[in-house]
Amino acid sequence: MRIIRTIAEVREAVRDARRQDRRVGLVPTMGAFHEGHLALMRAARRDNGLVVVSLFVNPTQFGPNEDLSRYPRDEARDAVLAEREGVDILFAPEPSEMYPDGFATTIHVSGLTDVLDGAQRGARHFDGVATIVAKLFGIVAPDVAYFGQKDAQQVLVVRRLVRDLDLDVRIEAVPTVREADGLAMSSRNVYLDGAARQRATALNRALETAAARAAAGERDAVVIEAAAREVLAASGIRPEYLELRDAHDLQAMDRLDRDGLLAVAARVGDARLIDNRLLKANH
């Protein structure tokens, strides 16, 4: 595996792969790898001749009071894990490589970014995501890019970005990877102490409870959401949001009469956690 720091070197490596008719897969990450990241790498390795994993803690998607400075970083460990999964290139640029002096362009995806995490974290968050993803697509020119379904809103934003800008890349959403107790894997889980770690399992249990109500025939969004909120309340968790929205465009839903996404965000101890569950209209 090669660790590459510059855009020019990545482009040259991709050109070499193209000359050999190798498909290119990209896994965009901010590092601090866990099994969720490794699942993305395995999917990319299975499908492509060249696998590029970007490792870049993107400053433009963090708000002024968020955890940019303390976001977990361990490039040496990440490199070992990526190499074990058969990754060909770990692209780990410096911020100045991605955002040189005079950088003045931002991509904004309207609508999808106005709710859920966009409403809580502000437009800056998804503007930063859309801009860095567009840059990575321009640098790597992948055939396929892999994202985790845990970040469901991000997946929808990236899909809309690709559609609206006619980018020639297929987006693959890989199912959320969970701990044995159901907690969705996240780099931010390292912020949880023992008691908070136990409380955090309520997020998945809340979603499962709501999903069970929907599977049993409940269609009222308020009732479905209330079932999840009750589980959170029992663990002393007050969510930033817990909402059932259209799984394709994130429009508000009064009834589960089409596929819905039940999404939640909550602060548990020192960590801000997100999770979601797809609820099918027809079971």
Protein backbone atom coordinates (compact mmCIF):
# COMPACT_ATOMS: atom_id res chain seq x y z
CA MET A 1 0.00 0.00 0.00
CA ARG A 2 1.19 3.50 -0.85
CA ILE A 3 0.58 6.51 1.38
CA ILE A 4 0.22 9.52 -0.89
CA ARG A 5 0.13 13.16 0.20
CA THR A 6 -0.36 15.06 -3.04
CA ILE A 7 -3.14 15.40 -5.58
CA ALA A 8 -0.72 15.03 -8.48
CA GLU A 9 0.55 11.66 -7.26
CA VAL A 10 -2.95 10.29 -6.76
CA ARG A 11 -3.95 11.33 -10.26
CA GLU A 12 -0.89 9.66 -11.73
CA ALA A 13 -1.64 6.42 -9.86
CA VAL A 14 -5.22 6.46 -11.12
CA ARG A 15 -4.04 7.08 -14.69
CA ASP A 16 -1.76 4.05 -14.40
CA ALA A 17 -4.69 1.92 -13.21
CA ARG A 18 -6.88 3.15 -16.05
CA ARG A 19 -4.23 2.17 -18.59
CA GLN A 20 -4.56 -1.36 -17.19
CA ASP A 21 -8.37 -1.23 -17.46
CA ARG A 22 -8.76 -1.40 -13.68
CA ARG A 23 -11.92 -0.07 -12.05
CA VAL A 24 -11.32 2.50 -9.33
CA GLY A 25 -13.11 2.51 -5.98
CA LEU A 26 -12.95 5.38 -3.48
CA VAL A 27 -13.68 5.29 0.25
CA PRO A 28 -13.76 8.86 1.65
CA THR A 29 -12.97 8.91 5.40
CA MET A 30 -11.77 11.14 8.20
CA GLY A 31 -9.72 8.31 9.69
CA ALA A 32 -9.90 6.77 13.19
CA PHE A 33 -10.91 3.54 11.45
CA HIS A 34 -13.35 1.05 12.96
CA GLU A 35 -15.23 -1.94 11.55
CA GLY A 36 -17.63 0.37 9.74
CA HIS A 37 -14.77 1.85 7.73
CA LEU A 38 -13.30 -1.59 7.13
CA ALA A 39 -16.63 -2.81 5.74
CA LEU A 40 -16.47 0.01 3.17
CA MET A 41 -12.92 -0.98 2.25
CA ARG A 42 -13.91 -4.63 1.85
CA ALA A 43 -16.78 -3.68 -0.44
CA ALA A 44 -14.43 -1.52 -2.50
CA ARG A 45 -11.80 -4.27 -2.64
CA ARG A 46 -14.36 -6.81 -3.81
CA ASP A 47 -15.59 -4.63 -6.67
CA ASN A 48 -12.52 -2.78 -7.97
CA GLY A 49 -9.02 -3.19 -9.30
CA LEU A 50 -7.69 -0.09 -7.54
CA VAL A 51 -8.89 0.95 -4.08
CA VAL A 52 -8.20 4.48 -2.85
CA VAL A 53 -9.04 5.44 0.74
CA SER A 54 -8.86 9.12 1.59
CA LEU A 55 -7.89 10.04 5.14
CA PHE A 56 -8.61 13.69 5.74
CA VAL A 57 -10.18 15.39 8.75
CA ASN A 58 -12.02 18.00 6.72
CA PRO A 59 -12.04 21.32 8.59
CA THR A 60 -14.78 22.91 6.48
CA GLN A 61 -17.48 20.55 7.78
CA PHE A 62 -16.89 21.40 11.44
CA GLY A 63 -18.66 24.28 13.14
CA PRO A 64 -16.78 26.77 15.36
CA ASN A 65 -17.79 24.99 18.59
CA GLU A 66 -17.41 21.43 17.34
CA ASP A 67 -14.69 18.86 17.89
CA LEU A 68 -12.23 19.52 15.05
CA SER A 69 -9.24 19.92 17.36
CA ARG A 70 -9.91 16.76 19.34
CA TYR A 71 -11.33 14.56 16.60
CA PRO A 72 -9.49 11.21 16.99
CA ARG A 73 -6.42 10.88 14.78
CA ASP A 74 -4.03 7.93 14.47
CA GLU A 75 -2.66 7.70 10.96
CA ALA A 76 -0.14 4.96 11.77
CA ARG A 77 -2.86 2.65 13.12
CA ASP A 78 -5.19 3.54 10.25
CA ALA A 79 -2.48 2.69 7.72
CA VAL A 80 -1.97 -0.76 9.25
CA LEU A 81 -5.71 -1.48 9.16
CA ALA A 82 -6.10 -0.23 5.58
CA GLU A 83 -3.18 -2.31 4.36
CA ARG A 84 -4.68 -5.42 5.97
CA GLU A 85 -7.84 -4.85 3.93
CA GLY A 86 -5.90 -4.71 0.67
CA VAL A 87 -6.18 -0.97 0.11
CA ASP A 88 -3.85 0.18 -2.66
CA ILE A 89 -3.58 3.89 -1.85
CA LEU A 90 -4.11 5.81 1.36
CA PHE A 91 -4.51 9.42 0.32
CA ALA A 92 -3.63 11.51 3.39
CA PRO A 93 -3.14 15.13 2.31
CA GLU A 94 -2.40 18.14 4.46
CA PRO A 95 -5.17 20.77 4.71
CA SER A 96 -3.07 23.13 2.58
CA GLU A 97 -3.08 20.56 -0.24
CA MET A 98 -6.89 20.44 -0.31
CA TYR A 99 -7.52 24.09 0.53
CA PRO A 100 -4.62 26.16 -0.82
CA ASP A 101 -4.34 29.89 -0.24
CA GLY A 102 -7.11 31.71 -2.07
CA PHE A 103 -9.54 28.77 -2.07
CA ALA A 104 -12.95 30.40 -2.57
CA THR A 105 -15.46 27.79 -3.78
CA THR A 106 -18.23 26.13 -1.78
CA ILE A 107 -20.88 23.70 -2.99
CA HIS A 108 -24.32 23.98 -1.41
CA VAL A 109 -27.02 21.33 -1.87
CA SER A 110 -30.39 22.91 -1.11
CA GLY A 111 -33.34 21.26 0.55
CA LEU A 112 -31.81 18.04 1.81
CA THR A 113 -29.42 20.01 4.00
CA ASP A 114 -32.06 22.17 5.70
CA VAL A 115 -33.29 19.50 8.14
CA LEU A 116 -31.95 16.99 10.69
CA ASP A 117 -28.17 17.44 10.96
CA GLY A 118 -28.29 20.46 8.67
CA ALA A 119 -30.71 22.21 10.99
CA GLN A 120 -28.70 21.31 14.08
CA ARG A 121 -25.16 21.82 12.80
CA GLY A 122 -25.85 24.60 10.31
CA ALA A 123 -25.41 24.91 6.54
CA ARG A 124 -21.62 24.96 6.97
CA HIS A 125 -21.57 21.25 7.78
CA PHE A 126 -23.06 19.86 4.58
CA ASP A 127 -21.48 22.60 2.48
CA GLY A 128 -18.15 21.31 3.74
CA VAL A 129 -19.14 17.72 3.04
CA ALA A 130 -20.36 18.47 -0.49
CA THR A 131 -17.28 20.51 -1.32
CA ILE A 132 -14.72 17.98 -0.10
CA VAL A 133 -16.56 15.08 -1.72
CA ALA A 134 -16.71 16.93 -5.04
CA LYS A 135 -12.98 17.63 -4.77
CA LEU A 136 -12.22 13.97 -4.03
CA PHE A 137 -14.33 12.88 -6.99
CA GLY A 138 -12.43 15.34 -9.18
CA ILE A 139 -9.05 14.12 -7.91
CA VAL A 140 -9.64 10.36 -7.91
CA ALA A 141 -12.31 10.10 -10.64
CA PRO A 142 -13.66 6.87 -9.12
CA ASP A 143 -16.05 4.51 -10.81
CA VAL A 144 -17.68 3.83 -7.45
CA ALA A 145 -17.57 5.63 -4.08
CA TYR A 146 -18.56 3.96 -0.82
CA PHE A 147 -20.35 5.58 2.13
CA GLY A 148 -21.87 4.22 5.33
CA GLN A 149 -25.64 4.12 5.73
CA LYS A 150 -25.20 5.33 9.33
CA ASP A 151 -24.71 8.76 7.76
CA ALA A 152 -27.95 8.44 5.80
CA GLN A 153 -28.47 12.16 5.26
CA GLN A 154 -24.91 12.49 3.98
CA VAL A 155 -25.54 9.68 1.50
CA LEU A 156 -28.61 11.47 0.16
CA VAL A 157 -26.71 14.73 -0.14
CA VAL A 158 -23.89 13.03 -2.06
CA ARG A 159 -26.35 11.28 -4.36
CA ARG A 160 -28.02 14.62 -5.14
CA LEU A 161 -24.63 16.22 -5.73
CA VAL A 162 -23.76 13.49 -8.22
CA ARG A 163 -27.12 13.73 -9.96
CA ASP A 164 -27.24 17.50 -10.21
CA LEU A 165 -23.64 17.93 -11.39
CA ASP A 166 -23.77 14.92 -13.76
CA LEU A 167 -20.77 13.30 -12.09
CA ASP A 168 -19.82 9.92 -13.52
CA VAL A 169 -19.58 7.99 -10.26
CA ARG A 170 -21.86 5.40 -8.67
CA ILE A 171 -22.62 5.80 -4.97
CA GLU A 172 -22.78 2.64 -2.87
CA ALA A 173 -24.28 2.83 0.61
CA VAL A 174 -22.97 0.08 2.88
CA PRO A 175 -25.16 -1.06 5.81
CA THR A 176 -24.42 0.31 9.27
CA VAL A 177 -22.00 -1.81 11.26
CA ARG A 178 -22.88 -2.23 14.93
CA GLU A 179 -21.29 -3.37 18.14
CA ALA A 180 -22.64 -6.58 19.68
CA ASP A 181 -25.02 -4.50 21.83
CA GLY A 182 -26.36 -2.60 18.83
CA LEU A 183 -24.47 0.69 19.15
CA ALA A 184 -23.64 2.01 15.69
CA MET A 185 -19.88 2.14 15.21
CA SER A 186 -18.49 5.66 15.09
CA SER A 187 -15.10 7.26 15.52
CA ARG A 188 -16.71 9.48 18.16
CA ASN A 189 -17.58 6.48 20.34
CA VAL A 190 -14.13 6.88 21.91
CA TYR A 191 -15.54 9.93 23.73
CA LEU A 192 -17.91 7.70 25.73
CA ASP A 193 -16.98 6.64 29.24
CA GLY A 194 -18.39 3.43 30.71
CA ALA A 195 -21.71 4.80 31.93
CA ALA A 196 -22.31 6.89 28.80
CA ARG A 197 -21.37 3.93 26.62
CA GLN A 198 -24.11 1.87 28.25
CA ARG A 199 -26.68 4.66 27.92
CA ALA A 200 -25.79 5.11 24.25
CA THR A 201 -27.23 1.71 23.39
CA ALA A 202 -30.66 3.29 23.88
CA LEU A 203 -30.40 4.92 20.44
CA ASN A 204 -30.50 1.61 18.62
CA ARG A 205 -33.10 0.20 20.99
CA ALA A 206 -35.30 3.22 20.37
CA LEU A 207 -35.07 2.75 16.62
CA GLU A 208 -35.75 -0.97 16.94
CA THR A 209 -38.82 -0.31 19.08
CA ALA A 210 -40.18 2.16 16.54
CA ALA A 211 -39.43 -0.23 13.68
CA ALA A 212 -41.31 -2.98 15.47
CA ARG A 213 -44.35 -0.68 15.81
CA ALA A 214 -44.21 0.08 12.11
CA ALA A 215 -43.81 -3.61 11.22
CA ALA A 216 -46.89 -4.35 13.32
CA GLY A 217 -48.91 -1.96 11.18
CA GLU A 218 -48.60 1.42 12.86
CA ARG A 219 -48.58 4.21 10.29
CA ASP A 220 -48.98 7.39 12.36
CA ALA A 221 -45.62 9.18 12.42
CA VAL A 222 -46.30 10.78 15.81
CA VAL A 223 -46.99 7.39 17.38
CA ILE A 224 -43.91 5.82 15.80
CA GLU A 225 -41.69 8.67 16.96
CA ALA A 226 -43.22 8.58 20.45
CA ALA A 227 -42.36 4.91 20.82
CA ALA A 228 -38.71 5.72 20.15
CA ARG A 229 -38.70 8.80 22.41
CA GLU A 230 -40.02 6.72 25.30
CA VAL A 231 -37.03 4.39 25.09
CA LEU A 232 -34.61 7.32 25.00
CA ALA A 233 -36.30 9.00 27.94
CA ALA A 234 -35.95 5.85 30.00
CA SER A 235 -32.17 6.21 29.61
CA GLY A 236 -32.19 9.92 30.32
CA ILE A 237 -31.51 10.89 26.72
CA ARG A 238 -33.15 13.94 25.19
CA PRO A 239 -32.54 13.87 21.43
CA GLU A 240 -31.51 16.87 19.38
CA TYR A 241 -33.90 15.44 16.83
CA LEU A 242 -35.86 12.25 16.33
CA GLU A 243 -37.89 12.47 13.16
CA LEU A 244 -39.53 10.26 10.59
CA ARG A 245 -38.86 11.65 7.12
CA ASP A 246 -39.20 10.49 3.54
CA ALA A 247 -36.31 8.11 2.86
CA HIS A 248 -35.60 9.66 -0.55
CA ASP A 249 -36.01 13.43 -0.14
CA LEU A 250 -36.27 13.96 3.65
CA GLN A 251 -39.64 15.65 3.38
CA ALA A 252 -41.73 15.57 6.57
CA MET A 253 -44.12 12.63 6.94
CA ASP A 254 -47.37 12.49 8.89
CA ARG A 255 -47.91 8.85 7.96
CA LEU A 256 -45.70 5.99 6.92
CA ASP A 257 -47.36 5.70 3.51
CA ARG A 258 -44.01 5.54 1.67
CA ASP A 259 -40.56 4.41 2.73
CA GLY A 260 -39.40 6.47 5.68
CA LEU A 261 -36.13 7.21 7.44
CA LEU A 262 -36.34 7.45 11.21
CA ALA A 263 -33.27 9.49 12.17
CA VAL A 264 -31.96 10.44 15.59
CA ALA A 265 -29.16 12.56 17.00
CA ALA A 266 -28.36 12.93 20.68
CA ARG A 267 -25.60 13.96 23.00
CA VAL A 268 -24.62 11.17 25.36
CA GLY A 269 -21.85 12.09 27.74
CA ASP A 270 -19.14 13.82 25.71
CA ALA A 271 -20.26 12.38 22.37
CA ARG A 272 -22.76 13.54 19.80
CA LEU A 273 -24.16 10.39 18.20
CA ILE A 274 -26.40 9.80 15.19
CA ASP A 275 -28.26 6.72 14.00
CA ASN A 276 -31.20 5.85 11.77
CA ARG A 277 -33.48 3.10 10.58
CA LEU A 278 -35.21 2.62 7.24
CA LEU A 279 -38.90 1.91 7.74
CA LYS A 280 -40.67 0.27 4.83
CA ALA A 281 -44.20 1.34 4.00
CA ASN A 282 -45.10 -2.21 2.98
CA HIS A 283 -44.00 -5.20 5.02
